[in-house]
Structure formats: C-alpha cells, structure tokens
PDB file of all heavy atoms in Angstrom:
ATOM      1  N   ARG A   1     -41.818  13.667  42.557  1.00  0.00           N
ATOM      2  CA  ARG A   1     -41.505  12.253  42.359  1.00  0.00           C
ATOM      3  C   ARG A   1     -42.660  11.366  42.811  1.00  0.00           C
ATOM      4  O   ARG A   1     -42.773  10.211  42.381  1.00  0.00           O
ATOM      5  CB  ARG A   1     -40.235  11.893  43.135  1.00  0.00           C
ATOM      6  CG  ARG A   1     -38.953  12.374  42.472  1.00  0.00           C
ATOM      7  CD  ARG A   1     -37.738  12.106  43.339  1.00  0.00           C
ATOM      8  NE  ARG A   1     -37.693  13.015  44.486  1.00  0.00           N
ATOM      9  CZ  ARG A   1     -36.712  13.029  45.373  1.00  0.00           C
ATOM     10  NH1 ARG A   1     -35.721  12.161  45.272  1.00  0.00           N
ATOM     11  NH2 ARG A   1     -36.725  13.892  46.374  1.00  0.00           N
ATOM     12  N   ASP A   2     -43.510  11.892  43.651  1.00  0.00           N
ATOM     13  CA  ASP A   2     -44.659  11.112  44.133  1.00  0.00           C
ATOM     14  C   ASP A   2     -45.698  10.877  43.042  1.00  0.00           C
ATOM     15  O   ASP A   2     -46.620  10.072  43.227  1.00  0.00           O
ATOM     16  CB  ASP A   2     -45.326  11.824  45.312  1.00  0.00           C
ATOM     17  CG  ASP A   2     -44.425  11.880  46.541  1.00  0.00           C
ATOM     18  OD1 ASP A   2     -43.526  11.027  46.640  1.00  0.00           O
ATOM     19  OD2 ASP A   2     -44.617  12.789  47.371  1.00  0.00           O
ATOM     20  N   ARG A   3     -45.566  11.562  41.919  1.00  0.00           N
ATOM     21  CA  ARG A   3     -46.515  11.390  40.819  1.00  0.00           C
ATOM     22  C   ARG A   3     -46.106  10.254  39.873  1.00  0.00           C
ATOM     23  O   ARG A   3     -46.702  10.067  38.820  1.00  0.00           O
ATOM     24  CB  ARG A   3     -46.665  12.703  40.046  1.00  0.00           C
ATOM     25  CG  ARG A   3     -47.237  13.820  40.919  1.00  0.00           C
ATOM     26  CD  ARG A   3     -47.426  15.129  40.180  1.00  0.00           C
ATOM     27  NE  ARG A   3     -48.524  15.052  39.223  1.00  0.00           N
ATOM     28  CZ  ARG A   3     -49.007  16.112  38.573  1.00  0.00           C
ATOM     29  NH1 ARG A   3     -48.486  17.322  38.814  1.00  0.00           N
ATOM     30  NH2 ARG A   3     -49.997  15.986  37.718  1.00  0.00           N
ATOM     31  N   LEU A   4     -45.091   9.476  40.292  1.00  0.00           N
ATOM     32  CA  LEU A   4     -44.671   8.297  39.544  1.00  0.00           C
ATOM     33  C   LEU A   4     -45.355   7.054  40.112  1.00  0.00           C
ATOM     34  O   LEU A   4     -45.331   6.817  41.316  1.00  0.00           O
ATOM     35  CB  LEU A   4     -43.153   8.126  39.646  1.00  0.00           C
ATOM     36  CG  LEU A   4     -42.567   6.846  39.037  1.00  0.00           C
ATOM     37  CD1 LEU A   4     -42.806   6.788  37.531  1.00  0.00           C
ATOM     38  CD2 LEU A   4     -41.069   6.758  39.355  1.00  0.00           C
ATOM     39  N   ARG A   5     -45.958   6.266  39.224  1.00  0.00           N
ATOM     40  CA  ARG A   5     -46.603   5.019  39.641  1.00  0.00           C
ATOM     41  C   ARG A   5     -46.148   3.907  38.726  1.00  0.00           C
ATOM     42  O   ARG A   5     -46.206   4.021  37.500  1.00  0.00           O
ATOM     43  CB  ARG A   5     -48.124   5.160  39.592  1.00  0.00           C
ATOM     44  CG  ARG A   5     -48.880   3.914  40.053  1.00  0.00           C
ATOM     45  CD  ARG A   5     -50.355   4.217  40.287  1.00  0.00           C
ATOM     46  NE  ARG A   5     -51.054   4.665  39.100  1.00  0.00           N
ATOM     47  CZ  ARG A   5     -51.708   3.858  38.264  1.00  0.00           C
ATOM     48  NH1 ARG A   5     -51.710   2.551  38.489  1.00  0.00           N
ATOM     49  NH2 ARG A   5     -52.342   4.349  37.214  1.00  0.00           N
ATOM     50  N   PHE A   6     -45.650   2.819  39.311  1.00  0.00           N
ATOM     51  CA  PHE A   6     -45.200   1.659  38.549  1.00  0.00           C
ATOM     52  C   PHE A   6     -46.313   0.616  38.558  1.00  0.00           C
ATOM     53  O   PHE A   6     -46.868   0.304  39.610  1.00  0.00           O
ATOM     54  CB  PHE A   6     -43.927   1.081  39.175  1.00  0.00           C
ATOM     55  CG  PHE A   6     -43.144   0.200  38.243  1.00  0.00           C
ATOM     56  CD1 PHE A   6     -42.122   0.726  37.473  1.00  0.00           C
ATOM     57  CD2 PHE A   6     -43.441  -1.145  38.113  1.00  0.00           C
ATOM     58  CE1 PHE A   6     -41.399  -0.082  36.597  1.00  0.00           C
ATOM     59  CE2 PHE A   6     -42.737  -1.963  37.254  1.00  0.00           C
ATOM     60  CZ  PHE A   6     -41.702  -1.430  36.488  1.00  0.00           C
ATOM     61  N   THR A   7     -46.638   0.083  37.392  1.00  0.00           N
ATOM     62  CA  THR A   7     -47.736  -0.871  37.289  1.00  0.00           C
ATOM     63  C   THR A   7     -47.222  -2.255  36.909  1.00  0.00           C
ATOM     64  O   THR A   7     -46.114  -2.410  36.393  1.00  0.00           O
ATOM     65  CB  THR A   7     -48.770  -0.435  36.233  1.00  0.00           C
ATOM     66  OG1 THR A   7     -48.162  -0.490  34.944  1.00  0.00           O
ATOM     67  CG2 THR A   7     -49.253   0.976  36.507  1.00  0.00           C
ATOM     68  N   GLY A   8     -48.056  -3.247  37.125  1.00  0.00           N
ATOM     69  CA  GLY A   8     -47.672  -4.622  36.837  1.00  0.00           C
ATOM     70  C   GLY A   8     -48.095  -5.115  35.482  1.00  0.00           C
ATOM     71  O   GLY A   8     -47.831  -6.268  35.127  1.00  0.00           O
ATOM     72  N   SER A   9     -48.764  -4.281  34.682  1.00  0.00           N
ATOM     73  CA  SER A   9     -49.199  -4.729  33.360  1.00  0.00           C
ATOM     74  C   SER A   9     -49.168  -3.579  32.368  1.00  0.00           C
ATOM     75  O   SER A   9     -49.331  -2.416  32.727  1.00  0.00           O
ATOM     76  CB  SER A   9     -50.619  -5.305  33.420  1.00  0.00           C
ATOM     77  OG  SER A   9     -51.572  -4.270  33.582  1.00  0.00           O
ATOM     78  N   LEU A  10     -48.977  -3.939  31.112  1.00  0.00           N
ATOM     79  CA  LEU A  10     -48.980  -2.939  30.042  1.00  0.00           C
ATOM     80  C   LEU A  10     -50.347  -2.288  29.918  1.00  0.00           C
ATOM     81  O   LEU A  10     -50.455  -1.059  29.772  1.00  0.00           O
ATOM     82  CB  LEU A  10     -48.593  -3.613  28.721  1.00  0.00           C
ATOM     83  CG  LEU A  10     -48.644  -2.736  27.467  1.00  0.00           C
ATOM     84  CD1 LEU A  10     -47.611  -1.631  27.550  1.00  0.00           C
ATOM     85  CD2 LEU A  10     -48.421  -3.578  26.214  1.00  0.00           C
ATOM     86  N   ASP A  11     -51.394  -3.097  30.002  1.00  0.00           N
ATOM     87  CA  ASP A  11     -52.752  -2.562  29.874  1.00  0.00           C
ATOM     88  C   ASP A  11     -53.016  -1.484  30.909  1.00  0.00           C
ATOM     89  O   ASP A  11     -53.567  -0.418  30.594  1.00  0.00           O
ATOM     90  CB  ASP A  11     -53.783  -3.686  30.024  1.00  0.00           C
ATOM     91  CG  ASP A  11     -53.824  -4.593  28.802  1.00  0.00           C
ATOM     92  OD1 ASP A  11     -52.989  -4.402  27.890  1.00  0.00           O
ATOM     93  OD2 ASP A  11     -54.686  -5.479  28.755  1.00  0.00           O
ATOM     94  N   GLU A  12     -52.614  -1.747  32.155  1.00  0.00           N
ATOM     95  CA  GLU A  12     -52.849  -0.778  33.221  1.00  0.00           C
ATOM     96  C   GLU A  12     -52.049   0.497  32.995  1.00  0.00           C
ATOM     97  O   GLU A  12     -52.513   1.599  33.285  1.00  0.00           O
ATOM     98  CB  GLU A  12     -52.484  -1.389  34.575  1.00  0.00           C
ATOM     99  CG  GLU A  12     -52.811  -0.490  35.761  1.00  0.00           C
ATOM    100  CD  GLU A  12     -52.432  -1.113  37.083  1.00  0.00           C
ATOM    101  OE1 GLU A  12     -51.952  -2.268  37.094  1.00  0.00           O
ATOM    102  OE2 GLU A  12     -52.600  -0.430  38.114  1.00  0.00           O
ATOM    103  N   ALA A  13     -50.844   0.352  32.450  1.00  0.00           N
ATOM    104  CA  ALA A  13     -49.987   1.518  32.248  1.00  0.00           C
ATOM    105  C   ALA A  13     -50.570   2.479  31.221  1.00  0.00           C
ATOM    106  O   ALA A  13     -50.534   3.696  31.401  1.00  0.00           O
ATOM    107  CB  ALA A  13     -48.588   1.074  31.826  1.00  0.00           C
ATOM    108  N   VAL A  14     -51.107   1.956  30.126  1.00  0.00           N
ATOM    109  CA  VAL A  14     -51.503   2.827  29.020  1.00  0.00           C
ATOM    110  C   VAL A  14     -52.991   3.150  28.993  1.00  0.00           C
ATOM    111  O   VAL A  14     -53.413   4.059  28.274  1.00  0.00           O
ATOM    112  CB  VAL A  14     -51.088   2.214  27.656  1.00  0.00           C
ATOM    113  CG1 VAL A  14     -49.599   1.925  27.634  1.00  0.00           C
ATOM    114  CG2 VAL A  14     -51.895   0.961  27.337  1.00  0.00           C
ATOM    115  N   SER A  15     -53.810   2.442  29.782  1.00  0.00           N
ATOM    116  CA  SER A  15     -55.263   2.573  29.654  1.00  0.00           C
ATOM    117  C   SER A  15     -55.771   3.965  29.995  1.00  0.00           C
ATOM    118  O   SER A  15     -56.789   4.397  29.445  1.00  0.00           O
ATOM    119  CB  SER A  15     -55.969   1.533  30.531  1.00  0.00           C
ATOM    120  OG  SER A  15     -55.629   1.717  31.896  1.00  0.00           O
ATOM    121  N   GLY A  16     -55.088   4.672  30.883  1.00  0.00           N
ATOM    122  CA  GLY A  16     -55.558   6.009  31.251  1.00  0.00           C
ATOM    123  C   GLY A  16     -54.645   7.124  30.802  1.00  0.00           C
ATOM    124  O   GLY A  16     -54.775   8.266  31.258  1.00  0.00           O
ATOM    125  N   ALA A  17     -53.721   6.828  29.894  1.00  0.00           N
ATOM    126  CA  ALA A  17     -52.719   7.814  29.480  1.00  0.00           C
ATOM    127  C   ALA A  17     -53.230   8.718  28.374  1.00  0.00           C
ATOM    128  O   ALA A  17     -54.019   8.316  27.525  1.00  0.00           O
ATOM    129  CB  ALA A  17     -51.446   7.104  29.028  1.00  0.00           C
ATOM    130  N   GLY A  18     -52.731   9.942  28.379  1.00  0.00           N
ATOM    131  CA  GLY A  18     -53.006  10.873  27.280  1.00  0.00           C
ATOM    132  C   GLY A  18     -51.904  10.874  26.247  1.00  0.00           C
ATOM    133  O   GLY A  18     -52.035  11.474  25.175  1.00  0.00           O
ATOM    134  N   PHE A  19     -50.791  10.190  26.548  1.00  0.00           N
ATOM    135  CA  PHE A  19     -49.657  10.058  25.634  1.00  0.00           C
ATOM    136  C   PHE A  19     -48.834   8.873  26.106  1.00  0.00           C
ATOM    137  O   PHE A  19     -48.722   8.632  27.315  1.00  0.00           O
ATOM    138  CB  PHE A  19     -48.797  11.329  25.645  1.00  0.00           C
ATOM    139  CG  PHE A  19     -47.572  11.257  24.772  1.00  0.00           C
ATOM    140  CD1 PHE A  19     -47.669  11.388  23.401  1.00  0.00           C
ATOM    141  CD2 PHE A  19     -46.311  11.055  25.326  1.00  0.00           C
ATOM    142  CE1 PHE A  19     -46.538  11.312  22.589  1.00  0.00           C
ATOM    143  CE2 PHE A  19     -45.176  10.992  24.531  1.00  0.00           C
ATOM    144  CZ  PHE A  19     -45.284  11.124  23.155  1.00  0.00           C
ATOM    145  N   VAL A  20     -48.272   8.127  25.158  1.00  0.00           N
ATOM    146  CA  VAL A  20     -47.472   6.951  25.494  1.00  0.00           C
ATOM    147  C   VAL A  20     -46.082   7.094  24.886  1.00  0.00           C
ATOM    148  O   VAL A  20     -45.961   7.356  23.670  1.00  0.00           O
ATOM    149  CB  VAL A  20     -48.119   5.647  24.985  1.00  0.00           C
ATOM    150  CG1 VAL A  20     -47.243   4.442  25.351  1.00  0.00           C
ATOM    151  CG2 VAL A  20     -49.530   5.486  25.555  1.00  0.00           C
ATOM    152  N   GLN A  21     -45.044   6.914  25.719  1.00  0.00           N
ATOM    153  CA  GLN A  21     -43.658   6.910  25.244  1.00  0.00           C
ATOM    154  C   GLN A  21     -43.096   5.508  25.427  1.00  0.00           C
ATOM    155  O   GLN A  21     -42.920   5.037  26.545  1.00  0.00           O
ATOM    156  CB  GLN A  21     -42.814   7.925  26.024  1.00  0.00           C
ATOM    157  CG  GLN A  21     -41.392   8.076  25.508  1.00  0.00           C
ATOM    158  CD  GLN A  21     -41.298   8.921  24.250  1.00  0.00           C
ATOM    159  OE1 GLN A  21     -41.940   9.966  24.142  1.00  0.00           O
ATOM    160  NE2 GLN A  21     -40.501   8.486  23.288  1.00  0.00           N
ATOM    161  N   GLU A  22     -42.829   4.827  24.319  1.00  0.00           N
ATOM    162  CA  GLU A  22     -42.284   3.464  24.358  1.00  0.00           C
ATOM    163  C   GLU A  22     -40.773   3.515  24.236  1.00  0.00           C
ATOM    164  O   GLU A  22     -40.234   4.169  23.336  1.00  0.00           O
ATOM    165  CB  GLU A  22     -42.891   2.640  23.218  1.00  0.00           C
ATOM    166  CG  GLU A  22     -42.298   1.250  23.049  1.00  0.00           C
ATOM    167  CD  GLU A  22     -41.080   1.247  22.137  1.00  0.00           C
ATOM    168  OE1 GLU A  22     -41.069   1.996  21.137  1.00  0.00           O
ATOM    169  OE2 GLU A  22     -40.129   0.507  22.443  1.00  0.00           O
ATOM    170  N   SER A  23     -40.087   2.802  25.141  1.00  0.00           N
ATOM    171  CA  SER A  23     -38.616   2.819  25.156  1.00  0.00           C
ATOM    172  C   SER A  23     -38.063   1.431  25.459  1.00  0.00           C
ATOM    173  O   SER A  23     -37.184   1.268  26.304  1.00  0.00           O
ATOM    174  CB  SER A  23     -38.107   3.821  26.196  1.00  0.00           C
ATOM    175  OG  SER A  23     -38.636   5.110  25.994  1.00  0.00           O
ATOM    176  N   THR A  24     -38.587   0.428  24.774  1.00  0.00           N
ATOM    177  CA  THR A  24     -38.124  -0.936  24.984  1.00  0.00           C
ATOM    178  C   THR A  24     -36.849  -1.184  24.177  1.00  0.00           C
ATOM    179  O   THR A  24     -36.485  -0.374  23.323  1.00  0.00           O
ATOM    180  CB  THR A  24     -39.220  -1.941  24.594  1.00  0.00           C
ATOM    181  OG1 THR A  24     -39.596  -1.719  23.230  1.00  0.00           O
ATOM    182  CG2 THR A  24     -40.439  -1.769  25.480  1.00  0.00           C
ATOM    183  N   PRO A  25     -36.128  -2.308  24.435  1.00  0.00           N
ATOM    184  CA  PRO A  25     -34.844  -2.553  23.763  1.00  0.00           C
ATOM    185  C   PRO A  25     -34.932  -2.538  22.246  1.00  0.00           C
ATOM    186  O   PRO A  25     -35.987  -2.816  21.653  1.00  0.00           O
ATOM    187  CB  PRO A  25     -34.441  -3.934  24.290  1.00  0.00           C
ATOM    188  CG  PRO A  25     -35.083  -4.017  25.637  1.00  0.00           C
ATOM    189  CD  PRO A  25     -36.399  -3.317  25.480  1.00  0.00           C
ATOM    190  N   GLU A  26     -33.794  -2.230  21.608  1.00  0.00           N
ATOM    191  CA  GLU A  26     -33.725  -2.082  20.158  1.00  0.00           C
ATOM    192  C   GLU A  26     -33.684  -3.441  19.462  1.00  0.00           C
ATOM    193  O   GLU A  26     -32.626  -3.919  19.045  1.00  0.00           O
ATOM    194  CB  GLU A  26     -32.499  -1.253  19.779  1.00  0.00           C
ATOM    195  CG  GLU A  26     -32.627   0.230  20.089  1.00  0.00           C
ATOM    196  CD  GLU A  26     -33.593   0.933  19.146  1.00  0.00           C
ATOM    197  OE1 GLU A  26     -33.253   1.164  17.975  1.00  0.00           O
ATOM    198  OE2 GLU A  26     -34.713   1.258  19.606  1.00  0.00           O
ATOM    199  N   ASN A  27     -34.841  -4.041  19.333  1.00  0.00           N
ATOM    200  CA  ASN A  27     -35.026  -5.289  18.599  1.00  0.00           C
ATOM    201  C   ASN A  27     -36.288  -5.116  17.770  1.00  0.00           C
ATOM    202  O   ASN A  27     -37.376  -4.915  18.327  1.00  0.00           O
ATOM    203  CB  ASN A  27     -35.151  -6.471  19.561  1.00  0.00           C
ATOM    204  CG  ASN A  27     -35.427  -7.778  18.848  1.00  0.00           C
ATOM    205  OD1 ASN A  27     -36.526  -8.004  18.345  1.00  0.00           O
ATOM    206  ND2 ASN A  27     -34.423  -8.651  18.816  1.00  0.00           N
ATOM    207  N   LEU A  28     -36.159  -5.175  16.453  1.00  0.00           N
ATOM    208  CA  LEU A  28     -37.286  -4.814  15.594  1.00  0.00           C
ATOM    209  C   LEU A  28     -38.493  -5.711  15.804  1.00  0.00           C
ATOM    210  O   LEU A  28     -39.625  -5.215  15.923  1.00  0.00           O
ATOM    211  CB  LEU A  28     -36.864  -4.836  14.124  1.00  0.00           C
ATOM    212  CG  LEU A  28     -37.948  -4.440  13.113  1.00  0.00           C
ATOM    213  CD1 LEU A  28     -38.507  -3.061  13.420  1.00  0.00           C
ATOM    214  CD2 LEU A  28     -37.398  -4.502  11.691  1.00  0.00           C
ATOM    215  N   ASP A  29     -38.283  -7.016  15.863  1.00  0.00           N
ATOM    216  CA  ASP A  29     -39.422  -7.914  16.050  1.00  0.00           C
ATOM    217  C   ASP A  29     -40.134  -7.628  17.375  1.00  0.00           C
ATOM    218  O   ASP A  29     -41.370  -7.632  17.453  1.00  0.00           O
ATOM    219  CB  ASP A  29     -38.959  -9.372  16.015  1.00  0.00           C
ATOM    220  CG  ASP A  29     -38.522  -9.810  14.628  1.00  0.00           C
ATOM    221  OD1 ASP A  29     -38.920  -9.153  13.648  1.00  0.00           O
ATOM    222  OD2 ASP A  29     -37.774 -10.801  14.524  1.00  0.00           O
ATOM    223  N   ALA A  30     -39.335  -7.367  18.418  1.00  0.00           N
ATOM    224  CA  ALA A  30     -39.931  -7.063  19.721  1.00  0.00           C
ATOM    225  C   ALA A  30     -40.663  -5.729  19.683  1.00  0.00           C
ATOM    226  O   ALA A  30     -41.728  -5.576  20.300  1.00  0.00           O
ATOM    227  CB  ALA A  30     -38.846  -7.051  20.795  1.00  0.00           C
ATOM    228  N   LYS A  31     -40.107  -4.756  18.970  1.00  0.00           N
ATOM    229  CA  LYS A  31     -40.776  -3.455  18.842  1.00  0.00           C
ATOM    230  C   LYS A  31     -42.134  -3.614  18.157  1.00  0.00           C
ATOM    231  O   LYS A  31     -43.131  -3.015  18.578  1.00  0.00           O
ATOM    232  CB  LYS A  31     -39.906  -2.488  18.036  1.00  0.00           C
ATOM    233  CG  LYS A  31     -38.650  -2.012  18.715  1.00  0.00           C
ATOM    234  CD  LYS A  31     -38.908  -0.846  19.651  1.00  0.00           C
ATOM    235  CE  LYS A  31     -37.614  -0.183  20.060  1.00  0.00           C
ATOM    236  NZ  LYS A  31     -37.820   0.822  21.135  1.00  0.00           N
ATOM    237  N   VAL A  32     -42.168  -4.409  17.091  1.00  0.00           N
ATOM    238  CA  VAL A  32     -43.430  -4.626  16.373  1.00  0.00           C
ATOM    239  C   VAL A  32     -44.473  -5.214  17.320  1.00  0.00           C
ATOM    240  O   VAL A  32     -45.638  -4.782  17.337  1.00  0.00           O
ATOM    241  CB  VAL A  32     -43.211  -5.550  15.158  1.00  0.00           C
ATOM    242  CG1 VAL A  32     -44.548  -5.973  14.547  1.00  0.00           C
ATOM    243  CG2 VAL A  32     -42.353  -4.851  14.105  1.00  0.00           C
ATOM    244  N   ARG A  33     -44.047  -6.184  18.135  1.00  0.00           N
ATOM    245  CA  ARG A  33     -44.996  -6.825  19.054  1.00  0.00           C
ATOM    246  C   ARG A  33     -45.474  -5.868  20.131  1.00  0.00           C
ATOM    247  O   ARG A  33     -46.674  -5.792  20.425  1.00  0.00           O
ATOM    248  CB  ARG A  33     -44.339  -8.056  19.693  1.00  0.00           C
ATOM    249  CG  ARG A  33     -44.155  -9.227  18.735  1.00  0.00           C
ATOM    250  CD  ARG A  33     -43.818 -10.500  19.493  1.00  0.00           C
ATOM    251  NE  ARG A  33     -42.569 -10.383  20.229  1.00  0.00           N
ATOM    252  CZ  ARG A  33     -41.377 -10.691  19.733  1.00  0.00           C
ATOM    253  NH1 ARG A  33     -41.271 -11.113  18.479  1.00  0.00           N
ATOM    254  NH2 ARG A  33     -40.282 -10.588  20.478  1.00  0.00           N
ATOM    255  N   VAL A  34     -44.553  -5.121  20.741  1.00  0.00           N
ATOM    256  CA  VAL A  34     -44.958  -4.267  21.857  1.00  0.00           C
ATOM    257  C   VAL A  34     -45.807  -3.100  21.372  1.00  0.00           C
ATOM    258  O   VAL A  34     -46.763  -2.689  22.051  1.00  0.00           O
ATOM    259  CB  VAL A  34     -43.737  -3.778  22.664  1.00  0.00           C
ATOM    260  CG1 VAL A  34     -42.965  -2.682  21.940  1.00  0.00           C
ATOM    261  CG2 VAL A  34     -44.167  -3.272  24.050  1.00  0.00           C
ATOM    262  N   LEU A  35     -45.525  -2.572  20.204  1.00  0.00           N
ATOM    263  CA  LEU A  35     -46.364  -1.488  19.681  1.00  0.00           C
ATOM    264  C   LEU A  35     -47.761  -2.002  19.341  1.00  0.00           C
ATOM    265  O   LEU A  35     -48.756  -1.292  19.546  1.00  0.00           O
ATOM    266  CB  LEU A  35     -45.718  -0.831  18.471  1.00  0.00           C
ATOM    267  CG  LEU A  35     -44.442  -0.021  18.735  1.00  0.00           C
ATOM    268  CD1 LEU A  35     -44.003   0.723  17.476  1.00  0.00           C
ATOM    269  CD2 LEU A  35     -44.614   0.961  19.885  1.00  0.00           C
ATOM    270  N   ALA A  36     -47.845  -3.227  18.837  1.00  0.00           N
ATOM    271  CA  ALA A  36     -49.159  -3.817  18.581  1.00  0.00           C
ATOM    272  C   ALA A  36     -49.922  -4.010  19.886  1.00  0.00           C
ATOM    273  O   ALA A  36     -51.148  -3.773  19.949  1.00  0.00           O
ATOM    274  CB  ALA A  36     -49.009  -5.146  17.843  1.00  0.00           C
ATOM    275  N   ASP A  37     -49.224  -4.427  20.942  1.00  0.00           N
ATOM    276  CA  ASP A  37     -49.867  -4.596  22.246  1.00  0.00           C
ATOM    277  C   ASP A  37     -50.331  -3.252  22.804  1.00  0.00           C
ATOM    278  O   ASP A  37     -51.421  -3.152  23.385  1.00  0.00           O
ATOM    279  CB  ASP A  37     -48.903  -5.258  23.233  1.00  0.00           C
ATOM    280  CG  ASP A  37     -48.629  -6.721  22.911  1.00  0.00           C
ATOM    281  OD1 ASP A  37     -49.414  -7.310  22.142  1.00  0.00           O
ATOM    282  OD2 ASP A  37     -47.625  -7.265  23.412  1.00  0.00           O
TER     283      ASP A  37
END
C-alpha cells in the first residue's frame, strides 16, 4: 500500500506513467475533456 501516491494535478499523475486508467464519472462531454487533457 505504500506504493500508492496521490497527486494534486493531472499532469503530475500521468507524466511518469507507463499506463493510464481513467475512471471519471459517466458524462460524455466530461470524458471527452479529460481524455484530451
């Protein structure tokens, strides 16, 4: 569990990742925006 780190920004979360799993609420317009980000 110590290998979990919570970040304050989307950029920081994904910048060093080898894979990204997006699980934001089921709203199509919001999904389009967050995937673009």
